[in-house]
């Protein structure tokens, strides 16, 4: 009775040691994935995360597949960010005024061209219509309501800047489109 019991205990101990080593290795590899993600979040550079991905990909399994997928995803994000920087640099060179306005009429984003046009750098967070000629404010508010209700998808309108912001009446040829969230609800305007 003692021999079979000892044999069973030895088998259980071997399984326990083997399983423990496997779990320890798996946890370390998963921690490397977490470290790669943290490194990318802190620095925004895929190159600094690659050593962690290599360590996590020691064995050809699901963890290695996950590491490969994460690395590809980070490369895609890097490429998109680079493309966005190029577009923003080009937009800045063109000095076009590009805006994002919330449904409440608040300027959320503005290109450098907008700041140059209104001769101010503190426009974000302010109401868009405060930069318009007083006679054009009501027109813009009405058109924003039409867009936010979804009655139109885009708006083309001529507006004047407020003469307080410039020394003369500056006319703007403005084109706006709706910004929608994942559910299709209009959350603002871009133009």
C-alpha atoms as a PDB file:
ATOM      1  CA  UNK A   1       0.000   0.000   0.000  1.00  0.00           C
ATOM      2  CA  UNK A   2       2.907   2.295   0.750  1.00  0.00           C
ATOM      3  CA  UNK A   3       4.589   1.800  -2.642  1.00  0.00           C
ATOM      4  CA  UNK A   4       1.554   2.712  -4.772  1.00  0.00           C
ATOM      5  CA  UNK A   5       0.866   5.689  -2.508  1.00  0.00           C
ATOM      6  CA  UNK A   6       4.494   6.838  -2.835  1.00  0.00           C
ATOM      7  CA  UNK A   7       4.333   6.363  -6.618  1.00  0.00           C
ATOM      8  CA  UNK A   8       1.156   8.436  -6.807  1.00  0.00           C
ATOM      9  CA  UNK A   9       2.723  11.178  -4.668  1.00  0.00           C
ATOM     10  CA  UNK A  10       5.827  11.210  -6.872  1.00  0.00           C
ATOM     11  CA  UNK A  11       3.682  11.462 -10.010  1.00  0.00           C
ATOM     12  CA  UNK A  12       1.639  14.272  -8.463  1.00  0.00           C
ATOM     13  CA  UNK A  13       4.849  16.066  -7.438  1.00  0.00           C
ATOM     14  CA  UNK A  14       6.274  15.752 -10.967  1.00  0.00           C
ATOM     15  CA  UNK A  15       3.041  17.046 -12.481  1.00  0.00           C
ATOM     16  CA  UNK A  16       2.985  19.846  -9.939  1.00  0.00           C
ATOM     17  CA  UNK A  17       6.602  20.833 -10.701  1.00  0.00           C
ATOM     18  CA  UNK A  18       6.061  20.566 -14.463  1.00  0.00           C
ATOM     19  CA  UNK A  19       2.805  22.480 -14.344  1.00  0.00           C
ATOM     20  CA  UNK A  20       4.345  25.062 -12.011  1.00  0.00           C
ATOM     21  CA  UNK A  21       7.279  25.632 -14.364  1.00  0.00           C
ATOM     22  CA  UNK A  22       4.937  25.906 -17.335  1.00  0.00           C
ATOM     23  CA  UNK A  23       2.689  28.381 -15.492  1.00  0.00           C
ATOM     24  CA  UNK A  24       5.681  30.417 -14.311  1.00  0.00           C
ATOM     25  CA  UNK A  25       7.040  30.605 -17.860  1.00  0.00           C
ATOM     26  CA  UNK A  26       3.628  31.517 -19.240  1.00  0.00           C
ATOM     27  CA  UNK A  27       3.135  34.261 -16.665  1.00  0.00           C
ATOM     28  CA  UNK A  28       6.598  35.695 -17.403  1.00  0.00           C
ATOM     29  CA  UNK A  29       5.817  35.760 -21.121  1.00  0.00           C
ATOM     30  CA  UNK A  30       2.489  37.489 -20.474  1.00  0.00           C
ATOM     31  CA  UNK A  31       4.289  40.017 -18.267  1.00  0.00           C
ATOM     32  CA  UNK A  32       6.609  40.742 -21.216  1.00  0.00           C
ATOM     33  CA  UNK A  33       3.555  41.569 -23.320  1.00  0.00           C
ATOM     34  CA  UNK A  34       2.357  43.907 -20.600  1.00  0.00           C
ATOM     35  CA  UNK A  35       5.800  45.528 -20.433  1.00  0.00           C
ATOM     36  CA  UNK A  36       5.774  45.982 -24.228  1.00  0.00           C
ATOM     37  CA  UNK A  37       2.369  47.661 -24.047  1.00  0.00           C
ATOM     38  CA  UNK A  38       3.489  49.895 -21.167  1.00  0.00           C
ATOM     39  CA  UNK A  39       6.667  50.865 -23.017  1.00  0.00           C
ATOM     40  CA  UNK A  40       4.653  51.755 -26.102  1.00  0.00           C
ATOM     41  CA  UNK A  41       2.136  53.739 -24.057  1.00  0.00           C
ATOM     42  CA  UNK A  42       4.922  55.729 -22.395  1.00  0.00           C
ATOM     43  CA  UNK A  43       7.130  56.376 -25.414  1.00  0.00           C
ATOM     44  CA  UNK A  44       4.936  55.760 -28.441  1.00  0.00           C
ATOM     45  CA  UNK A  45       7.725  53.857 -30.177  1.00  0.00           C
ATOM     46  CA  UNK A  46       7.298  50.294 -31.374  1.00  0.00           C
ATOM     47  CA  UNK A  47      11.074  49.814 -31.542  1.00  0.00           C
ATOM     48  CA  UNK A  48      11.358  49.975 -27.743  1.00  0.00           C
ATOM     49  CA  UNK A  49       8.717  47.249 -27.375  1.00  0.00           C
ATOM     50  CA  UNK A  50      10.264  44.752 -29.821  1.00  0.00           C
ATOM     51  CA  UNK A  51      12.662  43.142 -27.292  1.00  0.00           C
ATOM     52  CA  UNK A  52       9.696  42.332 -25.053  1.00  0.00           C
ATOM     53  CA  UNK A  53       7.802  40.838 -27.982  1.00  0.00           C
ATOM     54  CA  UNK A  54      10.778  38.609 -28.801  1.00  0.00           C
ATOM     55  CA  UNK A  55      10.923  37.374 -25.225  1.00  0.00           C
ATOM     56  CA  UNK A  56       7.181  36.680 -25.232  1.00  0.00           C
ATOM     57  CA  UNK A  57       7.473  34.770 -28.533  1.00  0.00           C
ATOM     58  CA  UNK A  58       9.916  32.125 -27.267  1.00  0.00           C
ATOM     59  CA  UNK A  59       7.452  29.334 -28.034  1.00  0.00           C
ATOM     60  CA  UNK A  60       5.120  29.048 -31.037  1.00  0.00           C
ATOM     61  CA  UNK A  61       1.758  29.286 -29.284  1.00  0.00           C
ATOM     62  CA  UNK A  62      -1.112  31.690 -28.637  1.00  0.00           C
ATOM     63  CA  UNK A  63       1.104  34.059 -26.654  1.00  0.00           C
ATOM     64  CA  UNK A  64       3.508  34.329 -29.593  1.00  0.00           C
ATOM     65  CA  UNK A  65       0.523  34.979 -31.892  1.00  0.00           C
ATOM     66  CA  UNK A  66      -0.706  37.678 -29.519  1.00  0.00           C
ATOM     67  CA  UNK A  67       2.767  39.270 -29.438  1.00  0.00           C
ATOM     68  CA  UNK A  68       2.891  39.284 -33.238  1.00  0.00           C
ATOM     69  CA  UNK A  69      -0.572  40.825 -33.468  1.00  0.00           C
ATOM     70  CA  UNK A  70       0.264  43.497 -30.889  1.00  0.00           C
ATOM     71  CA  UNK A  71       3.468  44.362 -32.740  1.00  0.00           C
ATOM     72  CA  UNK A  72       1.588  44.690 -36.054  1.00  0.00           C
ATOM     73  CA  UNK A  73      -1.055  46.827 -34.374  1.00  0.00           C
ATOM     74  CA  UNK A  74       1.598  49.132 -32.927  1.00  0.00           C
ATOM     75  CA  UNK A  75       3.264  49.442 -36.347  1.00  0.00           C
ATOM     76  CA  UNK A  76      -0.114  50.361 -37.868  1.00  0.00           C
ATOM     77  CA  UNK A  77      -0.694  52.995 -35.191  1.00  0.00           C
ATOM     78  CA  UNK A  78       2.807  54.390 -35.827  1.00  0.00           C
ATOM     79  CA  UNK A  79       2.094  54.603 -39.567  1.00  0.00           C
ATOM     80  CA  UNK A  80      -1.239  56.343 -38.976  1.00  0.00           C
ATOM     81  CA  UNK A  81       0.352  58.821 -36.581  1.00  0.00           C
ATOM     82  CA  UNK A  82       3.077  59.553 -39.126  1.00  0.00           C
ATOM     83  CA  UNK A  83       0.489  60.080 -41.883  1.00  0.00           C
ATOM     84  CA  UNK A  84      -1.482  62.383 -39.603  1.00  0.00           C
ATOM     85  CA  UNK A  85       1.640  64.436 -38.853  1.00  0.00           C
ATOM     86  CA  UNK A  86       2.290  64.797 -42.592  1.00  0.00           C
ATOM     87  CA  UNK A  87      -1.299  65.912 -43.219  1.00  0.00           C
ATOM     88  CA  UNK A  88      -1.143  68.414 -40.372  1.00  0.00           C
ATOM     89  CA  UNK A  89       2.172  69.818 -41.610  1.00  0.00           C
ATOM     90  CA  UNK A  90       0.726  70.159 -45.115  1.00  0.00           C
ATOM     91  CA  UNK A  91      -2.401  71.798 -43.731  1.00  0.00           C
ATOM     92  CA  UNK A  92      -0.272  74.209 -41.741  1.00  0.00           C
ATOM     93  CA  UNK A  93       1.693  75.148 -44.869  1.00  0.00           C
ATOM     94  CA  UNK A  94      -1.507  75.837 -46.804  1.00  0.00           C
ATOM     95  CA  UNK A  95      -2.722  78.131 -44.035  1.00  0.00           C
ATOM     96  CA  UNK A  96      -6.263  76.875 -44.472  1.00  0.00           C
ATOM     97  CA  UNK A  97      -8.521  77.313 -41.482  1.00  0.00           C
ATOM     98  CA  UNK A  98      -9.825  73.913 -40.421  1.00  0.00           C
ATOM     99  CA  UNK A  99     -12.080  73.645 -37.395  1.00  0.00           C
ATOM    100  CA  UNK A 100     -13.923  71.109 -35.284  1.00  0.00           C
ATOM    101  CA  UNK A 101     -16.902  72.547 -33.491  1.00  0.00           C
ATOM    102  CA  UNK A 102     -19.059  70.794 -30.884  1.00  0.00           C
ATOM    103  CA  UNK A 103     -22.837  70.756 -31.280  1.00  0.00           C
ATOM    104  CA  UNK A 104     -22.922  73.516 -28.657  1.00  0.00           C
ATOM    105  CA  UNK A 105     -20.801  75.728 -30.947  1.00  0.00           C
ATOM    106  CA  UNK A 106     -17.544  75.422 -28.964  1.00  0.00           C
ATOM    107  CA  UNK A 107     -14.256  75.301 -30.905  1.00  0.00           C
ATOM    108  CA  UNK A 108     -12.708  71.916 -30.094  1.00  0.00           C
ATOM    109  CA  UNK A 109      -9.804  71.948 -32.585  1.00  0.00           C
ATOM    110  CA  UNK A 110      -8.397  74.580 -34.904  1.00  0.00           C
ATOM    111  CA  UNK A 111      -5.572  74.605 -37.419  1.00  0.00           C
ATOM    112  CA  UNK A 112      -2.856  77.271 -37.272  1.00  0.00           C
ATOM    113  CA  UNK A 113      -4.550  78.854 -40.306  1.00  0.00           C
ATOM    114  CA  UNK A 114      -7.584  79.679 -38.155  1.00  0.00           C
ATOM    115  CA  UNK A 115      -5.477  81.369 -35.495  1.00  0.00           C
ATOM    116  CA  UNK A 116      -3.719  83.413 -38.165  1.00  0.00           C
ATOM    117  CA  UNK A 117      -7.045  84.362 -39.739  1.00  0.00           C
ATOM    118  CA  UNK A 118      -8.533  85.670 -36.475  1.00  0.00           C
ATOM    119  CA  UNK A 119      -5.189  87.009 -35.179  1.00  0.00           C
ATOM    120  CA  UNK A 120      -5.508  85.072 -31.903  1.00  0.00           C
ATOM    121  CA  UNK A 121      -3.989  81.963 -30.378  1.00  0.00           C
ATOM    122  CA  UNK A 122      -6.542  81.410 -27.607  1.00  0.00           C
ATOM    123  CA  UNK A 123      -9.542  80.297 -29.663  1.00  0.00           C
ATOM    124  CA  UNK A 124     -10.042  76.748 -28.372  1.00  0.00           C
ATOM    125  CA  UNK A 125     -12.880  76.409 -25.894  1.00  0.00           C
ATOM    126  CA  UNK A 126     -14.539  79.601 -27.132  1.00  0.00           C
ATOM    127  CA  UNK A 127     -17.782  79.829 -29.072  1.00  0.00           C
ATOM    128  CA  UNK A 128     -17.298  79.794 -32.841  1.00  0.00           C
ATOM    129  CA  UNK A 129     -20.018  82.374 -33.413  1.00  0.00           C
ATOM    130  CA  UNK A 130     -18.177  84.850 -31.160  1.00  0.00           C
ATOM    131  CA  UNK A 131     -15.660  85.215 -34.006  1.00  0.00           C
ATOM    132  CA  UNK A 132     -18.390  85.966 -36.558  1.00  0.00           C
ATOM    133  CA  UNK A 133     -19.906  89.277 -37.565  1.00  0.00           C
ATOM    134  CA  UNK A 134     -22.982  89.880 -35.393  1.00  0.00           C
ATOM    135  CA  UNK A 135     -25.273  89.782 -38.445  1.00  0.00           C
ATOM    136  CA  UNK A 136     -23.982  86.300 -39.418  1.00  0.00           C
ATOM    137  CA  UNK A 137     -24.188  84.696 -35.966  1.00  0.00           C
ATOM    138  CA  UNK A 138     -27.873  83.813 -36.143  1.00  0.00           C
ATOM    139  CA  UNK A 139     -27.489  82.322 -39.630  1.00  0.00           C
ATOM    140  CA  UNK A 140     -24.647  80.077 -38.440  1.00  0.00           C
ATOM    141  CA  UNK A 141     -26.561  79.010 -35.322  1.00  0.00           C
ATOM    142  CA  UNK A 142     -29.608  78.065 -37.439  1.00  0.00           C
ATOM    143  CA  UNK A 143     -27.470  76.096 -39.895  1.00  0.00           C
ATOM    144  CA  UNK A 144     -25.689  74.286 -37.055  1.00  0.00           C
ATOM    145  CA  UNK A 145     -29.058  73.225 -35.666  1.00  0.00           C
ATOM    146  CA  UNK A 146     -30.083  71.889 -39.078  1.00  0.00           C
ATOM    147  CA  UNK A 147     -26.869  69.858 -39.295  1.00  0.00           C
ATOM    148  CA  UNK A 148     -27.043  68.596 -35.715  1.00  0.00           C
ATOM    149  CA  UNK A 149     -30.623  67.394 -36.258  1.00  0.00           C
ATOM    150  CA  UNK A 150     -29.404  65.418 -39.265  1.00  0.00           C
ATOM    151  CA  UNK A 151     -31.526  67.316 -41.803  1.00  0.00           C
ATOM    152  CA  UNK A 152     -28.382  67.955 -43.883  1.00  0.00           C
ATOM    153  CA  UNK A 153     -25.027  66.190 -44.131  1.00  0.00           C
ATOM    154  CA  UNK A 154     -22.992  69.243 -45.099  1.00  0.00           C
ATOM    155  CA  UNK A 155     -23.217  73.008 -45.171  1.00  0.00           C
ATOM    156  CA  UNK A 156     -21.745  75.601 -47.519  1.00  0.00           C
ATOM    157  CA  UNK A 157     -22.131  79.159 -46.293  1.00  0.00           C
ATOM    158  CA  UNK A 158     -20.417  82.544 -46.622  1.00  0.00           C
ATOM    159  CA  UNK A 159     -19.730  84.268 -43.340  1.00  0.00           C
ATOM    160  CA  UNK A 160     -17.918  87.366 -42.191  1.00  0.00           C
ATOM    161  CA  UNK A 161     -15.476  87.488 -39.337  1.00  0.00           C
ATOM    162  CA  UNK A 162     -16.215  89.921 -36.562  1.00  0.00           C
ATOM    163  CA  UNK A 163     -14.583  93.263 -37.223  1.00  0.00           C
ATOM    164  CA  UNK A 164     -13.378  93.177 -33.599  1.00  0.00           C
ATOM    165  CA  UNK A 165     -11.055  90.305 -34.543  1.00  0.00           C
ATOM    166  CA  UNK A 166      -9.743  91.945 -37.714  1.00  0.00           C
ATOM    167  CA  UNK A 167      -9.293  95.464 -39.036  1.00  0.00           C
ATOM    168  CA  UNK A 168     -11.672  94.911 -41.949  1.00  0.00           C
ATOM    169  CA  UNK A 169     -14.555  92.669 -42.957  1.00  0.00           C
ATOM    170  CA  UNK A 170     -13.094  89.284 -43.868  1.00  0.00           C
ATOM    171  CA  UNK A 171     -15.381  86.936 -45.765  1.00  0.00           C
ATOM    172  CA  UNK A 172     -15.091  83.194 -45.226  1.00  0.00           C
ATOM    173  CA  UNK A 173     -16.214  80.588 -47.728  1.00  0.00           C
ATOM    174  CA  UNK A 174     -17.125  77.906 -45.217  1.00  0.00           C
ATOM    175  CA  UNK A 175     -17.884  74.241 -45.754  1.00  0.00           C
ATOM    176  CA  UNK A 176     -18.879  72.023 -42.829  1.00  0.00           C
ATOM    177  CA  UNK A 177     -19.694  68.335 -42.516  1.00  0.00           C
ATOM    178  CA  UNK A 178     -21.208  66.428 -39.613  1.00  0.00           C
ATOM    179  CA  UNK A 179     -19.044  64.464 -37.194  1.00  0.00           C
ATOM    180  CA  UNK A 180     -20.852  61.372 -35.974  1.00  0.00           C
ATOM    181  CA  UNK A 181     -20.174  58.943 -33.142  1.00  0.00           C
ATOM    182  CA  UNK A 182     -20.377  55.149 -33.415  1.00  0.00           C
ATOM    183  CA  UNK A 183     -24.160  55.212 -33.092  1.00  0.00           C
ATOM    184  CA  UNK A 184     -24.580  57.743 -35.913  1.00  0.00           C
ATOM    185  CA  UNK A 185     -25.487  60.641 -33.606  1.00  0.00           C
ATOM    186  CA  UNK A 186     -24.114  64.016 -34.713  1.00  0.00           C
ATOM    187  CA  UNK A 187     -21.521  65.153 -32.160  1.00  0.00           C
ATOM    188  CA  UNK A 188     -20.141  68.185 -33.945  1.00  0.00           C
ATOM    189  CA  UNK A 189     -19.028  69.815 -37.166  1.00  0.00           C
ATOM    190  CA  UNK A 190     -15.771  69.817 -39.096  1.00  0.00           C
ATOM    191  CA  UNK A 191     -14.968  72.317 -41.774  1.00  0.00           C
END
